[in-house]
Amino acid sequence: MSSLAIVMRAKDEMPHVRYALRQLKRQTIQDFELFAVDSGSTDGTLDELRQHAHRLRQIRPDEYVPGAVLNQAIAQTDSEIIVLLNADAVPRSADFLEQLIQPLQAHQADAVFARQVARDDARFIVDYDYQRAYRPDRMEPTFFSAVACAFRRSLWETCRFRETGYAEDLAWAESVVASGARLRFVPEAVVEHSHNYSLKGLFRKRFRQAMTFGTRPILLKQLTAFLREIVRDLLYAVRKVKLQTIPYNIVYRIMLHAGVYQGLRSGWKKRTGNRP
């Protein structure tokens, strides 16, 4: 029995998965089992996983439901501490695992998550969002990300991931906090991770996440948030002398908030059978 079980989800993650696996080989903690789940990679990711994973499961792309995949993978491990690390999340240091799980080992937390920093090729607005998301003074009590995190097996056994929809990590965090679990952000544990989604891809991602929650949409609330962020983005671009990014930043925010609002509408309609 390994002290840690690392669950890694992957689909077409080259070249990042190669760097992530190399960093795992350098960790100060090596007593871990790497359980990988690949959902149809065709870019060489599968070959990398075959070389490094202790166990590998392959599923079809249409079989990938985030929460269900996590639950199935964790159920096949027997370690007391579970680490989730996306295949495209690259640890920044050799003591990443050690730093990440330290609060668990010291019984200071029941679940922990790492700091994410954007890649060098991240768009200006994407990098800004990552900087803001991982500021401790701005985090919501239930903010959590399964991209790079760890938790006690006993916590997962009490509250498993929801097996429908997306945003499985946020839904899980809400559930475990409601049950009295302690979440902790570990800024010393850092992974490089970001996506330059197409505008269509950004809309789809936000739509799916928002639809999962199925809460009642409030147009005025969404518009207020949108306008506040537009002003904030504008001021930041001016301060950083990145005026050329402003047109894209605006379109980016439009697509993000449109995706959220439409997702909430669809989720609410599905949940209640009524239009908002």
C-alpha atoms as a PDB file:
ATOM      1  CA  MET A   1       0.000   0.000   0.000  1.00  0.00           C
ATOM      2  CA  SER A   2       1.443   3.343  -1.097  1.00  0.00           C
ATOM      3  CA  SER A   3       1.183   6.373   1.154  1.00  0.00           C
ATOM      4  CA  LEU A   4      -0.364   8.363  -1.701  1.00  0.00           C
ATOM      5  CA  ALA A   5      -2.572   7.588  -4.663  1.00  0.00           C
ATOM      6  CA  ILE A   6      -2.342  10.075  -7.533  1.00  0.00           C
ATOM      7  CA  VAL A   7      -5.295  10.086  -9.926  1.00  0.00           C
ATOM      8  CA  MET A   8      -4.481  11.686 -13.275  1.00  0.00           C
ATOM      9  CA  ARG A   9      -7.131  12.388 -15.919  1.00  0.00           C
ATOM     10  CA  ALA A  10      -5.971  12.896 -19.482  1.00  0.00           C
ATOM     11  CA  LYS A  11      -7.056  13.494 -23.042  1.00  0.00           C
ATOM     12  CA  ASP A  12      -4.645  14.896 -25.644  1.00  0.00           C
ATOM     13  CA  GLU A  13      -2.430  16.705 -23.146  1.00  0.00           C
ATOM     14  CA  MET A  14       0.861  16.817 -25.065  1.00  0.00           C
ATOM     15  CA  PRO A  15       3.375  18.224 -24.420  1.00  0.00           C
ATOM     16  CA  HIS A  16       2.274  19.171 -20.886  1.00  0.00           C
ATOM     17  CA  VAL A  17       1.707  15.595 -19.714  1.00  0.00           C
ATOM     18  CA  ARG A  18       5.343  14.798 -20.505  1.00  0.00           C
ATOM     19  CA  TYR A  19       6.539  17.646 -18.293  1.00  0.00           C
ATOM     20  CA  ALA A  20       4.073  16.740 -15.535  1.00  0.00           C
ATOM     21  CA  LEU A  21       5.252  13.125 -15.468  1.00  0.00           C
ATOM     22  CA  ARG A  22       8.887  14.209 -15.430  1.00  0.00           C
ATOM     23  CA  GLN A  23       8.190  16.420 -12.442  1.00  0.00           C
ATOM     24  CA  LEU A  24       6.510  13.564 -10.607  1.00  0.00           C
ATOM     25  CA  LYS A  25       9.674  11.521 -11.081  1.00  0.00           C
ATOM     26  CA  ARG A  26      11.618  14.319  -9.330  1.00  0.00           C
ATOM     27  CA  GLN A  27       9.381  14.633  -6.277  1.00  0.00           C
ATOM     28  CA  THR A  28      10.863  14.361  -2.802  1.00  0.00           C
ATOM     29  CA  ILE A  29       8.025  11.926  -2.078  1.00  0.00           C
ATOM     30  CA  GLN A  30       8.198   8.837  -4.286  1.00  0.00           C
ATOM     31  CA  ASP A  31       5.996   6.473  -2.306  1.00  0.00           C
ATOM     32  CA  PHE A  32       2.941   6.929  -4.484  1.00  0.00           C
ATOM     33  CA  GLU A  33       0.861   5.006  -6.989  1.00  0.00           C
ATOM     34  CA  LEU A  34      -0.066   6.803 -10.200  1.00  0.00           C
ATOM     35  CA  PHE A  35      -3.483   5.823 -11.518  1.00  0.00           C
ATOM     36  CA  ALA A  36      -4.189   7.354 -14.934  1.00  0.00           C
ATOM     37  CA  VAL A  37      -7.473   7.525 -16.840  1.00  0.00           C
ATOM     38  CA  ASP A  38      -7.265   8.388 -20.533  1.00  0.00           C
ATOM     39  CA  SER A  39     -10.422   9.262 -22.438  1.00  0.00           C
ATOM     40  CA  GLY A  40      -9.339   8.844 -26.048  1.00  0.00           C
ATOM     41  CA  SER A  41      -5.977  10.557 -26.555  1.00  0.00           C
ATOM     42  CA  THR A  42      -4.510  10.468 -30.062  1.00  0.00           C
ATOM     43  CA  ASP A  43      -1.550  12.865 -29.691  1.00  0.00           C
ATOM     44  CA  GLY A  44       0.988  10.697 -27.867  1.00  0.00           C
ATOM     45  CA  THR A  45      -0.412  11.240 -24.367  1.00  0.00           C
ATOM     46  CA  LEU A  46      -1.332   7.579 -24.075  1.00  0.00           C
ATOM     47  CA  ASP A  47       2.234   6.478 -24.830  1.00  0.00           C
ATOM     48  CA  GLU A  48       3.563   8.739 -22.075  1.00  0.00           C
ATOM     49  CA  LEU A  49       1.066   7.380 -19.582  1.00  0.00           C
ATOM     50  CA  ARG A  50       1.900   3.793 -20.475  1.00  0.00           C
ATOM     51  CA  GLN A  51       5.537   4.465 -19.629  1.00  0.00           C
ATOM     52  CA  HIS A  52       4.938   6.115 -16.261  1.00  0.00           C
ATOM     53  CA  ALA A  53       1.565   5.159 -14.783  1.00  0.00           C
ATOM     54  CA  HIS A  54       1.400   2.246 -12.383  1.00  0.00           C
ATOM     55  CA  ARG A  55      -2.138   1.596 -13.549  1.00  0.00           C
ATOM     56  CA  LEU A  56      -3.878   2.879 -16.645  1.00  0.00           C
ATOM     57  CA  ARG A  57      -7.531   2.795 -17.591  1.00  0.00           C
ATOM     58  CA  GLN A  58      -8.765   3.705 -21.069  1.00  0.00           C
ATOM     59  CA  ILE A  59     -12.298   4.881 -21.731  1.00  0.00           C
ATOM     60  CA  ARG A  60     -14.108   6.275 -24.749  1.00  0.00           C
ATOM     61  CA  PRO A  61     -14.537  10.066 -24.951  1.00  0.00           C
ATOM     62  CA  ASP A  62     -18.312   9.704 -24.617  1.00  0.00           C
ATOM     63  CA  GLU A  63     -17.820   7.772 -21.356  1.00  0.00           C
ATOM     64  CA  TYR A  64     -16.083  10.688 -19.678  1.00  0.00           C
ATOM     65  CA  VAL A  65     -18.199  12.180 -16.914  1.00  0.00           C
ATOM     66  CA  PRO A  66     -15.822  13.994 -14.520  1.00  0.00           C
ATOM     67  CA  GLY A  67     -17.285  13.019 -11.167  1.00  0.00           C
ATOM     68  CA  ALA A  68     -17.984   9.427 -12.163  1.00  0.00           C
ATOM     69  CA  VAL A  69     -14.451   8.976 -13.517  1.00  0.00           C
ATOM     70  CA  LEU A  70     -12.952  10.306 -10.293  1.00  0.00           C
ATOM     71  CA  ASN A  71     -15.104   8.104  -8.091  1.00  0.00           C
ATOM     72  CA  GLN A  72     -14.312   4.998 -10.127  1.00  0.00           C
ATOM     73  CA  ALA A  73     -10.581   5.703 -10.077  1.00  0.00           C
ATOM     74  CA  ILE A  74     -10.414   6.482  -6.362  1.00  0.00           C
ATOM     75  CA  ALA A  75     -12.407   3.341  -5.569  1.00  0.00           C
ATOM     76  CA  GLN A  76      -9.623   1.274  -7.165  1.00  0.00           C
ATOM     77  CA  THR A  77      -6.971   2.717  -4.852  1.00  0.00           C
ATOM     78  CA  ASP A  78      -6.384   1.957  -1.183  1.00  0.00           C
ATOM     79  CA  SER A  79      -4.260   4.892   0.003  1.00  0.00           C
ATOM     80  CA  GLU A  80      -5.417   7.121   2.836  1.00  0.00           C
ATOM     81  CA  ILE A  81      -4.414  10.315   0.987  1.00  0.00           C
ATOM     82  CA  ILE A  82      -5.727  10.901  -2.531  1.00  0.00           C
ATOM     83  CA  VAL A  83      -4.069  13.410  -4.848  1.00  0.00           C
ATOM     84  CA  LEU A  84      -5.801  14.618  -8.004  1.00  0.00           C
ATOM     85  CA  LEU A  85      -3.474  16.020 -10.640  1.00  0.00           C
ATOM     86  CA  ASN A  86      -4.639  16.789 -14.157  1.00  0.00           C
ATOM     87  CA  ALA A  87      -2.297  15.534 -16.857  1.00  0.00           C
ATOM     88  CA  ASP A  88      -1.696  19.090 -18.090  1.00  0.00           C
ATOM     89  CA  ALA A  89      -0.926  20.509 -14.634  1.00  0.00           C
ATOM     90  CA  VAL A  90       2.850  20.719 -14.281  1.00  0.00           C
ATOM     91  CA  PRO A  91       4.293  20.917 -10.741  1.00  0.00           C
ATOM     92  CA  ARG A  92       6.725  23.815 -10.405  1.00  0.00           C
ATOM     93  CA  SER A  93       9.011  22.231  -7.814  1.00  0.00           C
ATOM     94  CA  ALA A  94      10.389  18.909  -6.614  1.00  0.00           C
ATOM     95  CA  ASP A  95       8.659  19.317  -3.246  1.00  0.00           C
ATOM     96  CA  PHE A  96       5.219  20.004  -4.722  1.00  0.00           C
ATOM     97  CA  LEU A  97       3.638  16.840  -3.294  1.00  0.00           C
ATOM     98  CA  GLU A  98       5.335  17.331   0.047  1.00  0.00           C
ATOM     99  CA  GLN A  99       4.050  20.897   0.321  1.00  0.00           C
ATOM    100  CA  LEU A 100       0.563  19.984  -0.875  1.00  0.00           C
ATOM    101  CA  ILE A 101      -0.147  17.213   1.611  1.00  0.00           C
ATOM    102  CA  GLN A 102       1.618  18.744   4.627  1.00  0.00           C
ATOM    103  CA  PRO A 103      -1.598  20.257   6.085  1.00  0.00           C
ATOM    104  CA  LEU A 104      -3.292  16.854   5.772  1.00  0.00           C
ATOM    105  CA  GLN A 105      -0.459  15.079   7.534  1.00  0.00           C
ATOM    106  CA  ALA A 106      -0.455  17.720  10.275  1.00  0.00           C
ATOM    107  CA  HIS A 107      -4.240  17.324  10.654  1.00  0.00           C
ATOM    108  CA  GLN A 108      -4.730  21.002   9.855  1.00  0.00           C
ATOM    109  CA  ALA A 109      -7.103  20.355   6.950  1.00  0.00           C
ATOM    110  CA  ASP A 110      -9.283  17.655   5.403  1.00  0.00           C
ATOM    111  CA  ALA A 111      -8.832  18.761   1.786  1.00  0.00           C
ATOM    112  CA  VAL A 112      -6.224  21.015   0.185  1.00  0.00           C
ATOM    113  CA  PHE A 113      -5.642  22.549  -3.231  1.00  0.00           C
ATOM    114  CA  ALA A 114      -2.624  24.010  -4.979  1.00  0.00           C
ATOM    115  CA  ARG A 115      -1.978  27.410  -6.495  1.00  0.00           C
ATOM    116  CA  GLN A 116      -2.253  27.524 -10.273  1.00  0.00           C
ATOM    117  CA  VAL A 117      -0.221  29.919 -12.391  1.00  0.00           C
ATOM    118  CA  ALA A 118      -0.847  30.564 -16.065  1.00  0.00           C
ATOM    119  CA  ARG A 119       1.550  29.308 -18.703  1.00  0.00           C
ATOM    120  CA  ASP A 120       3.897  31.661 -20.506  1.00  0.00           C
ATOM    121  CA  ASP A 121       1.688  31.574 -23.613  1.00  0.00           C
ATOM    122  CA  ALA A 122      -1.509  32.475 -21.726  1.00  0.00           C
ATOM    123  CA  ARG A 123      -3.524  35.388 -23.035  1.00  0.00           C
ATOM    124  CA  PHE A 124      -3.340  38.575 -21.005  1.00  0.00           C
ATOM    125  CA  ILE A 125      -6.904  38.221 -19.697  1.00  0.00           C
ATOM    126  CA  VAL A 126      -6.401  34.533 -18.855  1.00  0.00           C
ATOM    127  CA  ASP A 127      -3.269  35.274 -16.843  1.00  0.00           C
ATOM    128  CA  TYR A 128      -5.108  38.045 -15.010  1.00  0.00           C
ATOM    129  CA  ASP A 129      -7.957  35.730 -14.073  1.00  0.00           C
ATOM    130  CA  TYR A 130      -5.537  33.161 -12.645  1.00  0.00           C
ATOM    131  CA  GLN A 131      -3.794  35.826 -10.599  1.00  0.00           C
ATOM    132  CA  ARG A 132      -7.119  36.969  -9.172  1.00  0.00           C
ATOM    133  CA  ALA A 133      -8.520  33.486  -8.563  1.00  0.00           C
ATOM    134  CA  TYR A 134      -5.593  32.436  -6.405  1.00  0.00           C
ATOM    135  CA  ARG A 135      -5.410  35.458  -4.141  1.00  0.00           C
ATOM    136  CA  PRO A 136      -6.145  34.201  -0.608  1.00  0.00           C
ATOM    137  CA  ASP A 137      -7.805  37.458   0.429  1.00  0.00           C
ATOM    138  CA  ARG A 138     -10.412  37.129  -2.343  1.00  0.00           C
ATOM    139  CA  MET A 139     -11.272  33.430  -2.122  1.00  0.00           C
ATOM    140  CA  GLU A 140     -14.744  32.227  -1.272  1.00  0.00           C
ATOM    141  CA  PRO A 141     -14.881  29.686   1.599  1.00  0.00           C
ATOM    142  CA  THR A 142     -15.897  26.924  -0.824  1.00  0.00           C
ATOM    143  CA  PHE A 143     -13.461  27.786  -3.632  1.00  0.00           C
ATOM    144  CA  PHE A 144     -11.707  24.610  -4.711  1.00  0.00           C
ATOM    145  CA  SER A 145     -10.111  23.127  -7.813  1.00  0.00           C
ATOM    146  CA  ALA A 146      -9.611  19.455  -8.638  1.00  0.00           C
ATOM    147  CA  VAL A 147      -6.851  20.331 -11.131  1.00  0.00           C
ATOM    148  CA  ALA A 148      -4.279  19.856  -8.354  1.00  0.00           C
ATOM    149  CA  CYS A 149      -5.585  18.908  -4.928  1.00  0.00           C
ATOM    150  CA  ALA A 150      -5.502  16.292  -2.177  1.00  0.00           C
ATOM    151  CA  PHE A 151      -7.849  14.989   0.490  1.00  0.00           C
ATOM    152  CA  ARG A 152      -8.338  12.212   2.970  1.00  0.00           C
ATOM    153  CA  ARG A 153      -9.907   9.029   1.678  1.00  0.00           C
ATOM    154  CA  SER A 154     -12.291   9.049   4.634  1.00  0.00           C
ATOM    155  CA  LEU A 155     -13.672  12.416   3.458  1.00  0.00           C
ATOM    156  CA  TRP A 156     -14.311  11.051  -0.028  1.00  0.00           C
ATOM    157  CA  GLU A 157     -15.990   7.961   1.418  1.00  0.00           C
ATOM    158  CA  THR A 158     -18.357  10.250   3.313  1.00  0.00           C
ATOM    159  CA  CYS A 159     -19.008  12.539   0.348  1.00  0.00           C
ATOM    160  CA  ARG A 160     -18.233  11.333  -3.159  1.00  0.00           C
ATOM    161  CA  PHE A 161     -18.129  13.435  -6.288  1.00  0.00           C
ATOM    162  CA  ARG A 162     -21.413  14.145  -8.005  1.00  0.00           C
ATOM    163  CA  GLU A 163     -21.727  11.913 -11.070  1.00  0.00           C
ATOM    164  CA  THR A 164     -23.801  14.204 -13.270  1.00  0.00           C
ATOM    165  CA  GLY A 165     -22.795  17.354 -15.093  1.00  0.00           C
ATOM    166  CA  TYR A 166     -19.620  19.363 -14.693  1.00  0.00           C
ATOM    167  CA  ALA A 167     -18.041  21.604 -12.020  1.00  0.00           C
ATOM    168  CA  GLU A 168     -17.745  18.439  -9.942  1.00  0.00           C
ATOM    169  CA  ASP A 169     -15.030  19.959  -7.753  1.00  0.00           C
ATOM    170  CA  LEU A 170     -17.034  23.059  -6.826  1.00  0.00           C
ATOM    171  CA  ALA A 171     -20.113  20.986  -6.038  1.00  0.00           C
ATOM    172  CA  TRP A 172     -18.012  18.609  -3.936  1.00  0.00           C
ATOM    173  CA  ALA A 173     -16.404  21.481  -2.032  1.00  0.00           C
ATOM    174  CA  GLU A 174     -19.802  22.923  -1.154  1.00  0.00           C
ATOM    175  CA  SER A 175     -20.946  19.539   0.128  1.00  0.00           C
ATOM    176  CA  VAL A 176     -17.908  18.786   2.270  1.00  0.00           C
ATOM    177  CA  VAL A 177     -17.773  22.290   3.766  1.00  0.00           C
ATOM    178  CA  ALA A 178     -21.457  21.967   4.652  1.00  0.00           C
ATOM    179  CA  SER A 179     -20.582  18.725   6.449  1.00  0.00           C
ATOM    180  CA  GLY A 180     -17.908  20.504   8.521  1.00  0.00           C
ATOM    181  CA  ALA A 181     -14.774  19.618   6.521  1.00  0.00           C
ATOM    182  CA  ARG A 182     -11.866  22.043   6.444  1.00  0.00           C
ATOM    183  CA  LEU A 183     -10.588  23.237   3.051  1.00  0.00           C
ATOM    184  CA  ARG A 184      -7.163  24.824   2.806  1.00  0.00           C
ATOM    185  CA  PHE A 185      -5.376  26.653   0.017  1.00  0.00           C
ATOM    186  CA  VAL A 186      -1.657  25.781  -0.126  1.00  0.00           C
ATOM    187  CA  PRO A 187       0.061  28.616  -2.030  1.00  0.00           C
ATOM    188  CA  GLU A 188       3.505  26.988  -1.633  1.00  0.00           C
ATOM    189  CA  ALA A 189       2.376  24.068  -3.813  1.00  0.00           C
ATOM    190  CA  VAL A 190       2.315  25.452  -7.346  1.00  0.00           C
ATOM    191  CA  VAL A 191       1.356  23.980 -10.713  1.00  0.00           C
ATOM    192  CA  GLU A 192       1.495  25.572 -14.130  1.00  0.00           C
ATOM    193  CA  HIS A 193      -1.889  25.236 -15.751  1.00  0.00           C
ATOM    194  CA  SER A 194      -4.041  27.365 -18.062  1.00  0.00           C
ATOM    195  CA  HIS A 195      -6.042  27.175 -21.287  1.00  0.00           C
ATOM    196  CA  ASN A 196      -6.402  29.628 -24.151  1.00  0.00           C
ATOM    197  CA  TYR A 197      -9.907  28.494 -25.043  1.00  0.00           C
ATOM    198  CA  SER A 198     -11.491  29.657 -28.253  1.00  0.00           C
ATOM    199  CA  LEU A 199     -14.397  32.003 -27.620  1.00  0.00           C
ATOM    200  CA  LYS A 200     -16.785  29.200 -28.536  1.00  0.00           C
ATOM    201  CA  GLY A 201     -14.937  26.842 -26.206  1.00  0.00           C
ATOM    202  CA  LEU A 202     -15.067  29.396 -23.381  1.00  0.00           C
ATOM    203  CA  PHE A 203     -18.823  29.805 -23.801  1.00  0.00           C
ATOM    204  CA  ARG A 204     -19.311  26.017 -23.812  1.00  0.00           C
ATOM    205  CA  LYS A 205     -17.202  25.505 -20.692  1.00  0.00           C
ATOM    206  CA  ARG A 206     -18.993  28.186 -18.685  1.00  0.00           C
ATOM    207  CA  PHE A 207     -22.373  27.018 -19.972  1.00  0.00           C
ATOM    208  CA  ARG A 208     -21.783  23.424 -18.843  1.00  0.00           C
ATOM    209  CA  GLN A 209     -20.493  24.486 -15.443  1.00  0.00           C
ATOM    210  CA  ALA A 210     -23.397  26.849 -14.779  1.00  0.00           C
ATOM    211  CA  MET A 211     -25.992  24.368 -16.019  1.00  0.00           C
ATOM    212  CA  THR A 212     -24.779  21.828 -13.471  1.00  0.00           C
ATOM    213  CA  PHE A 213     -25.848  23.993 -10.542  1.00  0.00           C
ATOM    214  CA  GLY A 214     -29.304  24.785 -11.883  1.00  0.00           C
ATOM    215  CA  THR A 215     -29.776  27.912  -9.753  1.00  0.00           C
ATOM    216  CA  ARG A 216     -32.220  30.616 -10.776  1.00  0.00           C
ATOM    217  CA  PRO A 217     -30.580  33.128 -13.160  1.00  0.00           C
ATOM    218  CA  ILE A 218     -30.857  36.835 -12.399  1.00  0.00           C
ATOM    219  CA  LEU A 219     -30.130  38.981 -15.446  1.00  0.00           C
ATOM    220  CA  LEU A 220     -29.446  42.181 -13.487  1.00  0.00           C
ATOM    221  CA  LYS A 221     -26.973  40.369 -11.255  1.00  0.00           C
ATOM    222  CA  GLN A 222     -25.155  38.925 -14.283  1.00  0.00           C
ATOM    223  CA  LEU A 223     -25.040  42.294 -16.043  1.00  0.00           C
ATOM    224  CA  THR A 224     -23.721  43.986 -12.913  1.00  0.00           C
ATOM    225  CA  ALA A 225     -20.940  41.427 -12.579  1.00  0.00           C
ATOM    226  CA  PHE A 226     -20.123  41.772 -16.272  1.00  0.00           C
ATOM    227  CA  LEU A 227     -19.859  45.564 -16.166  1.00  0.00           C
ATOM    228  CA  ARG A 228     -17.814  45.509 -12.976  1.00  0.00           C
ATOM    229  CA  GLU A 229     -15.329  43.105 -14.558  1.00  0.00           C
ATOM    230  CA  ILE A 230     -15.144  45.097 -17.784  1.00  0.00           C
ATOM    231  CA  VAL A 231     -14.135  48.200 -15.817  1.00  0.00           C
ATOM    232  CA  ARG A 232     -11.659  46.221 -13.714  1.00  0.00           C
ATOM    233  CA  ASP A 233     -10.104  44.633 -16.821  1.00  0.00           C
ATOM    234  CA  LEU A 234      -9.825  48.008 -18.525  1.00  0.00           C
ATOM    235  CA  LEU A 235      -8.042  49.586 -15.579  1.00  0.00           C
ATOM    236  CA  TYR A 236      -5.661  46.645 -15.334  1.00  0.00           C
ATOM    237  CA  ALA A 237      -4.837  46.773 -19.059  1.00  0.00           C
ATOM    238  CA  VAL A 238      -4.125  50.497 -18.812  1.00  0.00           C
ATOM    239  CA  ARG A 239      -1.951  50.004 -15.734  1.00  0.00           C
ATOM    240  CA  LYS A 240       0.047  47.284 -17.489  1.00  0.00           C
ATOM    241  CA  VAL A 241       0.202  49.295 -20.743  1.00  0.00           C
ATOM    242  CA  LYS A 242      -1.541  46.490 -22.655  1.00  0.00           C
ATOM    243  CA  LEU A 243      -4.095  48.618 -24.482  1.00  0.00           C
ATOM    244  CA  GLN A 244      -4.014  46.302 -27.515  1.00  0.00           C
ATOM    245  CA  THR A 245      -5.639  43.568 -25.415  1.00  0.00           C
ATOM    246  CA  ILE A 246      -8.749  45.600 -24.576  1.00  0.00           C
ATOM    247  CA  PRO A 247     -10.964  44.612 -27.556  1.00  0.00           C
ATOM    248  CA  TYR A 248     -10.360  40.903 -26.977  1.00  0.00           C
ATOM    249  CA  ASN A 249     -10.779  41.286 -23.217  1.00  0.00           C
ATOM    250  CA  ILE A 250     -14.247  42.743 -23.744  1.00  0.00           C
ATOM    251  CA  VAL A 251     -15.331  39.970 -26.114  1.00  0.00           C
ATOM    252  CA  TYR A 252     -13.882  37.401 -23.699  1.00  0.00           C
ATOM    253  CA  ARG A 253     -16.029  38.753 -20.851  1.00  0.00           C
ATOM    254  CA  ILE A 254     -19.120  38.851 -23.050  1.00  0.00           C
ATOM    255  CA  MET A 255     -18.741  35.179 -23.958  1.00  0.00           C
ATOM    256  CA  LEU A 256     -17.940  34.153 -20.390  1.00  0.00           C
ATOM    257  CA  HIS A 257     -20.966  35.840 -18.856  1.00  0.00           C
ATOM    258  CA  ALA A 258     -23.262  34.843 -21.720  1.00  0.00           C
ATOM    259  CA  GLY A 259     -22.224  31.229 -21.152  1.00  0.00           C
ATOM    260  CA  VAL A 260     -22.890  31.469 -17.426  1.00  0.00           C
ATOM    261  CA  TYR A 261     -26.284  33.106 -17.857  1.00  0.00           C
ATOM    262  CA  GLN A 262     -27.464  30.731 -20.581  1.00  0.00           C
ATOM    263  CA  GLY A 263     -26.200  27.767 -18.566  1.00  0.00           C
ATOM    264  CA  LEU A 264     -28.116  28.913 -15.505  1.00  0.00           C
ATOM    265  CA  ARG A 265     -31.254  29.381 -17.620  1.00  0.00           C
ATOM    266  CA  SER A 266     -31.003  25.903 -19.079  1.00  0.00           C
ATOM    267  CA  GLY A 267     -30.223  24.311 -15.726  1.00  0.00           C
ATOM    268  CA  TRP A 268     -33.070  26.108 -13.998  1.00  0.00           C
ATOM    269  CA  LYS A 269     -35.519  25.171 -16.743  1.00  0.00           C
ATOM    270  CA  LYS A 270     -34.440  21.547 -16.565  1.00  0.00           C
ATOM    271  CA  ARG A 271     -34.725  21.563 -12.784  1.00  0.00           C
ATOM    272  CA  THR A 272     -38.123  23.258 -12.527  1.00  0.00           C
ATOM    273  CA  GLY A 273     -39.749  22.675 -15.897  1.00  0.00           C
ATOM    274  CA  ASN A 274     -40.388  26.421 -16.112  1.00  0.00           C
ATOM    275  CA  ARG A 275     -38.726  29.279 -17.840  1.00  0.00           C
ATOM    276  CA  PRO A 276     -36.873  31.769 -15.559  1.00  0.00           C
END
